[in-house]
N, C-alpha and C. Protein backbone atom coordinates (compact mmCIF):
# COMPACT_ATOMS: atom_id res chain seq x y z
N UNK A 1 0.73 -1.35 0.22
CA UNK A 1 0.08 0.11 -0.19
C UNK A 1 0.71 1.57 0.13
N UNK A 2 0.77 2.29 -0.90
CA UNK A 2 1.46 3.26 -1.09
C UNK A 2 0.73 4.60 -0.66
N UNK A 3 0.80 5.00 0.16
CA UNK A 3 0.15 6.43 0.53
C UNK A 3 0.96 7.36 0.63
N UNK A 4 -0.05 8.46 0.13
CA UNK A 4 0.75 9.78 -0.45
C UNK A 4 -0.05 11.04 0.27
N UNK A 5 0.90 11.68 1.07
CA UNK A 5 0.46 13.16 1.71
C UNK A 5 0.51 14.34 0.74
N UNK A 6 -0.54 15.27 0.76
CA UNK A 6 0.17 16.33 0.11
C UNK A 6 0.80 17.49 1.57
N UNK A 7 1.70 17.72 1.17
CA UNK A 7 2.11 18.84 2.14
C UNK A 7 1.85 20.26 2.22
N UNK A 8 1.25 20.40 1.15
CA UNK A 8 0.46 21.71 1.38
C UNK A 8 -0.59 21.80 1.71
N UNK A 9 -1.57 20.57 1.60
CA UNK A 9 -2.90 20.28 2.46
C UNK A 9 -2.88 20.91 4.11
N UNK A 10 -4.01 21.82 3.91
CA UNK A 10 -3.94 22.59 5.41
C UNK A 10 -4.43 22.00 6.35
N UNK A 11 -5.08 20.53 5.88
CA UNK A 11 -5.82 19.83 6.69
C UNK A 11 -4.56 19.26 7.88
N UNK A 12 -5.09 19.13 9.06
CA UNK A 12 -4.08 18.21 10.31
C UNK A 12 -3.64 16.94 9.52
N UNK A 13 -2.46 16.40 10.31
CA UNK A 13 -2.05 15.34 9.21
C UNK A 13 -2.62 14.16 9.26
N UNK A 14 -3.25 13.93 10.81
CA UNK A 14 -3.77 12.57 11.13
C UNK A 14 -4.97 12.60 10.11
N UNK A 15 -5.80 13.60 9.73
CA UNK A 15 -6.83 13.67 9.01
C UNK A 15 -6.38 13.26 7.65
N UNK A 16 -5.15 13.63 7.12
CA UNK A 16 -5.04 13.48 6.15
C UNK A 16 -4.43 11.88 6.02
N UNK A 17 -4.00 11.65 6.89
CA UNK A 17 -3.63 9.52 6.85
C UNK A 17 -4.91 9.11 6.82
N UNK A 18 -5.74 9.64 7.51
CA UNK A 18 -7.27 8.99 7.28
C UNK A 18 -7.70 8.93 5.91
N UNK A 19 -7.79 10.19 5.26
CA UNK A 19 -8.23 10.50 4.20
C UNK A 19 -7.28 9.63 2.81
N UNK A 20 -6.31 9.54 3.40
CA UNK A 20 -5.23 8.39 2.23
C UNK A 20 -5.63 6.78 2.29
N UNK A 21 -5.91 6.77 3.60
CA UNK A 21 -6.58 4.98 3.40
C UNK A 21 -7.75 4.86 3.30
N UNK A 22 -8.69 5.41 3.50
CA UNK A 22 -9.82 5.93 2.96
C UNK A 22 -9.89 5.58 1.30
N UNK A 23 -9.10 6.44 0.67
CA UNK A 23 -8.70 6.92 -0.84
C UNK A 23 -8.12 4.97 -1.17
N UNK A 24 -7.61 4.74 -0.60
CA UNK A 24 -6.76 3.53 -0.97
C UNK A 24 -8.10 2.47 -0.89
N UNK A 25 -8.71 2.57 -0.28
CA UNK A 25 -9.79 1.44 -0.01
C UNK A 25 -10.90 1.69 -0.91
N UNK A 26 -10.98 2.71 -1.39
CA UNK A 26 -12.23 3.44 -2.25
C UNK A 26 -11.51 2.71 -3.89
N UNK A 27 -10.27 3.02 -3.96
CA UNK A 27 -9.93 2.64 -5.34
C UNK A 27 -9.54 0.98 -5.60
N UNK A 28 -9.74 0.39 -4.42
CA UNK A 28 -9.47 -0.95 -4.40
C UNK A 28 -8.05 -1.48 -4.31
N UNK A 29 -7.36 -1.01 -3.56
CA UNK A 29 -5.96 -0.98 -3.43
C UNK A 29 -6.17 -1.69 -2.02
N UNK A 30 -6.87 -1.41 -1.12
CA UNK A 30 -6.75 -2.41 -0.43
C UNK A 30 -8.32 -2.82 -0.05
N UNK A 31 -8.55 -4.05 -0.05
CA UNK A 31 -9.79 -4.65 -0.03
C UNK A 31 -10.09 -5.48 1.53
N UNK A 32 -11.39 -5.37 1.83
CA UNK A 32 -11.80 -5.93 2.95
C UNK A 32 -11.43 -6.84 3.78
N UNK A 33 -10.24 -7.23 4.69
CA UNK A 33 -9.62 -8.81 5.30
C UNK A 33 -8.07 -7.82 5.37
N UNK A 34 -8.05 -7.12 4.73
CA UNK A 34 -6.46 -7.09 3.92
C UNK A 34 -6.09 -6.18 5.17
N UNK A 35 -4.41 -6.77 5.60
CA UNK A 35 -3.95 -6.18 6.34
C UNK A 35 -2.99 -4.83 5.88
N UNK A 36 -3.19 -3.82 7.05
CA UNK A 36 -2.64 -2.77 6.85
C UNK A 36 -1.37 -2.88 6.96
N UNK A 37 0.24 -1.89 6.81
CA UNK A 37 1.31 -2.04 7.34
C UNK A 37 1.20 -1.81 8.77
N UNK A 38 2.37 -1.92 9.60
CA UNK A 38 2.01 -1.37 10.97
C UNK A 38 2.13 0.22 11.35
N UNK A 39 1.75 0.74 12.13
CA UNK A 39 1.85 2.19 12.22
C UNK A 39 3.14 2.57 12.18
N UNK A 40 3.98 2.11 12.71
CA UNK A 40 5.40 2.38 12.40
C UNK A 40 5.96 2.44 11.23
N UNK A 41 5.61 1.29 10.47
CA UNK A 41 6.23 1.17 9.03
C UNK A 41 5.13 2.55 7.87
N UNK A 42 4.08 2.76 8.35
CA UNK A 42 3.33 3.76 7.85
C UNK A 42 4.13 5.11 8.06
N UNK A 43 4.31 5.14 9.42
CA UNK A 43 4.73 6.68 10.07
C UNK A 43 6.26 6.98 9.00
N UNK A 44 6.99 5.82 9.05
CA UNK A 44 8.29 5.94 8.76
C UNK A 44 8.00 6.48 7.01
N UNK A 45 7.54 5.69 6.27
CA UNK A 45 7.06 6.00 4.96
C UNK A 45 6.88 7.39 4.75
N UNK A 46 5.91 7.76 5.76
CA UNK A 46 5.38 8.98 5.56
C UNK A 46 6.35 10.20 6.46
N UNK A 47 7.09 9.79 6.79
CA UNK A 47 7.64 10.63 7.63
C UNK A 47 7.10 11.26 8.48
N UNK A 48 6.20 10.55 9.36
CA UNK A 48 5.31 11.71 10.21
C UNK A 48 5.64 10.79 11.22
N UNK A 49 5.58 11.26 12.86
CA UNK A 49 5.45 10.57 13.83
C UNK A 49 4.27 9.66 14.14
N UNK A 50 4.78 8.60 14.90
CA UNK A 50 3.81 7.43 14.64
C UNK A 50 2.53 7.27 15.31
N UNK A 51 2.57 8.62 16.64
CA UNK A 51 1.57 8.84 17.19
C UNK A 51 0.30 9.34 16.22
N UNK A 52 0.74 10.17 15.33
CA UNK A 52 -0.01 11.26 14.47
C UNK A 52 -0.49 10.16 13.47
N UNK A 53 0.17 8.84 13.00
CA UNK A 53 -0.42 7.67 11.98
C UNK A 53 -1.86 7.40 12.83
N UNK A 54 -1.37 6.83 14.15
CA UNK A 54 -1.94 5.98 15.13
C UNK A 54 -3.62 6.78 15.21
N UNK A 55 -3.30 8.09 15.13
CA UNK A 55 -4.40 9.11 15.54
C UNK A 55 -5.30 9.08 14.51
N UNK A 56 -4.78 8.86 13.07
CA UNK A 56 -5.61 8.94 11.78
C UNK A 56 -6.48 7.31 11.64
N UNK A 57 -5.15 6.30 11.99
CA UNK A 57 -5.98 4.86 11.98
C UNK A 57 -7.29 4.85 13.29
N UNK A 58 -7.10 5.32 14.19
CA UNK A 58 -7.78 5.19 14.90
C UNK A 58 -9.26 5.90 14.58
N UNK A 59 -8.99 7.04 14.49
CA UNK A 59 -10.67 7.47 13.41
C UNK A 59 -10.87 6.83 12.51
N UNK A 60 -10.49 6.27 11.82
CA UNK A 60 -10.95 5.17 10.96
C UNK A 60 -11.56 3.88 11.67
N UNK A 61 -11.36 3.25 12.84
CA UNK A 61 -11.60 2.11 13.39
C UNK A 61 -12.95 2.95 14.13
N UNK A 62 -12.79 3.80 14.87
CA UNK A 62 -14.22 4.84 15.08
C UNK A 62 -15.28 4.63 14.19
N UNK A 63 -14.50 4.84 12.99
CA UNK A 63 -15.90 5.07 11.92
C UNK A 63 -16.49 3.68 11.18
N UNK A 64 -15.85 2.31 11.75
CA UNK A 64 -15.92 1.36 11.46
C UNK A 64 -14.97 1.03 10.06
N UNK A 65 -14.08 1.35 9.51
CA UNK A 65 -13.63 1.34 8.39
C UNK A 65 -12.44 0.44 8.51
N UNK A 66 -11.92 0.34 10.09
CA UNK A 66 -10.56 -0.51 10.40
C UNK A 66 -11.14 -1.31 11.31
N UNK A 67 -10.34 -2.01 11.51
CA UNK A 67 -10.25 -3.10 12.70
C UNK A 67 -9.27 -3.53 13.31
N UNK A 68 -9.07 -3.42 14.64
CA UNK A 68 -7.86 -3.52 15.19
C UNK A 68 -8.01 -4.72 16.31
N UNK A 69 -7.21 -5.49 15.92
CA UNK A 69 -7.20 -6.71 16.55
C UNK A 69 -5.53 -7.20 16.83
N UNK A 70 -5.79 -7.54 18.26
CA UNK A 70 -4.58 -8.06 19.00
C UNK A 70 -3.80 -9.25 18.20
N UNK A 71 -2.71 -8.78 17.90
CA UNK A 71 -1.72 -10.54 17.06
C UNK A 71 -1.75 -10.17 15.64
N UNK A 72 -3.31 -9.42 15.12
CA UNK A 72 -3.26 -9.52 13.90
C UNK A 72 -3.33 -8.24 13.15
N UNK A 73 -3.07 -7.23 13.82
CA UNK A 73 -2.64 -5.80 13.27
C UNK A 73 -3.92 -5.18 12.91
N UNK A 74 -3.70 -4.42 12.19
CA UNK A 74 -4.95 -3.54 11.74
C UNK A 74 -5.17 -4.15 10.28
N UNK A 75 -6.55 -4.47 10.24
CA UNK A 75 -7.35 -5.01 8.95
C UNK A 75 -8.34 -4.23 8.65
N UNK A 76 -8.49 -3.87 6.91
CA UNK A 76 -9.45 -3.55 6.62
C UNK A 76 -11.11 -4.39 7.31
N UNK A 77 -12.04 -3.39 7.34
CA UNK A 77 -13.22 -4.19 8.26
C UNK A 77 -14.08 -4.45 6.53
N UNK A 78 -14.62 -5.75 6.94
CA UNK A 78 -15.56 -6.25 6.27
C UNK A 78 -16.32 -5.47 4.93
N UNK A 79 -16.80 -4.28 5.64
CA UNK A 79 -17.94 -3.79 5.11
C UNK A 79 -17.21 -2.12 4.91
N UNK A 80 -15.90 -2.24 4.81
CA UNK A 80 -15.51 -0.85 4.64
C UNK A 80 -15.60 -0.41 3.17
N UNK A 81 -15.63 -1.21 2.29
CA UNK A 81 -15.87 -0.83 0.75
C UNK A 81 -17.37 -0.24 0.48
N UNK A 82 -18.16 -0.57 1.60
CA UNK A 82 -19.61 -0.26 1.41
C UNK A 82 -19.51 1.33 1.77
N UNK A 83 -18.58 1.79 2.36
CA UNK A 83 -18.87 2.93 3.47
C UNK A 83 -17.99 3.68 2.04
N UNK A 84 -17.40 3.62 1.33
CA UNK A 84 -16.95 4.39 0.03
C UNK A 84 -17.32 4.24 -1.24
N UNK A 85 -18.69 5.14 -0.79
CA UNK A 85 -19.53 5.33 -2.00
C UNK A 85 -19.26 6.46 -2.83
N UNK A 86 -18.17 6.97 -2.75
CA UNK A 86 -17.98 8.49 -3.30
C UNK A 86 -17.96 8.18 -5.05
N UNK A 87 -17.57 7.06 -5.18
CA UNK A 87 -17.49 6.96 -6.82
C UNK A 87 -18.91 6.95 -7.25
N UNK A 88 -19.80 6.32 -6.50
CA UNK A 88 -21.37 5.80 -6.90
C UNK A 88 -21.81 7.55 -7.24
N UNK A 89 -21.75 8.42 -6.00
CA UNK A 89 -22.15 9.91 -6.19
C UNK A 89 -21.67 10.38 -7.27
N UNK A 90 -20.24 10.42 -7.22
CA UNK A 90 -19.79 11.08 -8.38
C UNK A 90 -20.27 10.77 -9.79
N UNK A 91 -20.79 9.57 -9.89
CA UNK A 91 -21.23 8.99 -11.41
C UNK A 91 -22.53 9.44 -11.13
N UNK A 92 -23.38 9.39 -10.15
CA UNK A 92 -24.75 10.09 -10.06
C UNK A 92 -24.76 11.74 -10.56
N UNK A 93 -23.87 12.39 -9.86
CA UNK A 93 -23.58 13.88 -10.18
C UNK A 93 -23.40 14.23 -11.75
N UNK A 94 -22.36 13.32 -12.39
CA UNK A 94 -21.94 13.63 -13.65
C UNK A 94 -23.62 13.03 -14.44
N UNK A 95 -24.16 12.24 -14.09
CA UNK A 95 -25.42 11.79 -14.85
C UNK A 95 -26.14 12.82 -14.46
N UNK A 96 -26.40 13.24 -13.32
CA UNK A 96 -27.49 14.29 -13.00
C UNK A 96 -27.15 15.81 -14.04
N UNK A 97 -25.95 16.09 -13.86
CA UNK A 97 -25.77 17.19 -14.75
C UNK A 97 -25.64 16.99 -15.90
N UNK A 98 -25.31 15.79 -16.73
CA UNK A 98 -25.83 15.73 -18.30
C UNK A 98 -27.28 15.87 -18.62
N UNK A 99 -27.84 15.53 -17.46
CA UNK A 99 -29.76 15.46 -17.54
C UNK A 99 -29.82 16.82 -18.08
N UNK A 100 -29.39 17.70 -17.13
CA UNK A 100 -29.31 18.83 -17.02
C UNK A 100 -28.80 19.79 -17.95
N UNK A 101 -27.83 19.55 -18.68
CA UNK A 101 -27.57 20.03 -19.94
C UNK A 101 -25.86 20.29 -19.82
N UNK A 102 -25.68 20.24 -18.32
CA UNK A 102 -24.13 20.55 -18.18
C UNK A 102 -23.29 19.72 -18.58
N UNK A 103 -22.14 19.90 -19.08
CA UNK A 103 -20.98 19.10 -19.87
C UNK A 103 -20.06 18.86 -18.27
N UNK A 104 -19.21 17.77 -18.51
CA UNK A 104 -18.21 17.57 -17.56
C UNK A 104 -17.33 18.58 -16.99
N UNK A 105 -16.88 19.27 -18.21
CA UNK A 105 -16.01 20.73 -17.74
C UNK A 105 -16.85 21.66 -17.18
N UNK A 106 -18.50 21.64 -17.49
CA UNK A 106 -19.26 22.80 -16.63
C UNK A 106 -19.21 22.70 -15.04
N UNK A 107 -19.64 20.86 -14.85
CA UNK A 107 -19.43 20.26 -13.38
C UNK A 107 -18.29 20.90 -12.45
N UNK A 108 -17.18 20.47 -13.49
CA UNK A 108 -15.98 20.78 -12.76
C UNK A 108 -15.96 22.06 -12.50
N UNK A 109 -15.96 23.26 -13.43
CA UNK A 109 -16.25 24.34 -12.89
C UNK A 109 -17.08 24.67 -11.70
N UNK A 110 -18.08 24.21 -11.68
CA UNK A 110 -18.89 24.49 -10.78
C UNK A 110 -18.50 24.12 -9.52
N UNK A 111 -17.99 22.64 -9.64
CA UNK A 111 -17.26 22.48 -8.19
C UNK A 111 -15.99 23.19 -7.66
N UNK A 112 -15.22 23.77 -8.42
CA UNK A 112 -14.05 24.75 -8.57
C UNK A 112 -14.64 25.89 -7.63
N UNK A 113 -15.70 26.19 -7.98
CA UNK A 113 -16.45 27.45 -7.28
C UNK A 113 -17.06 27.05 -6.25
N UNK A 114 -16.88 26.05 -5.63
CA UNK A 114 -17.54 25.69 -4.00
C UNK A 114 -16.48 26.09 -2.86
N UNK A 115 -16.95 26.96 -2.24
CA UNK A 115 -15.88 27.54 -1.36
C UNK A 115 -15.80 26.23 -0.37
């Protein structure tokens, strides 16, 4: 699993870690039942403090996306991919925009204009 953080992103680092893991799950890079690298390995790869990584992972555990099991490490929850419906929402948004006469470029411009 290769996670990347944008150092220019203004969100707290633990939120960026959580978002990167969610994105990996949504894109199928991590599937339900897959074991994640240790927090120490993730922290080293991302050049972050291990506590920052753990905070991000704990928030995902609290949301039901990850499971922490003693002796088995951190795994992706069985229904985690059900929680990542962003792609379906995006498809629906594109379809609705097309129905209303908006092109994808128009839709992108609308999204960029959202504060």
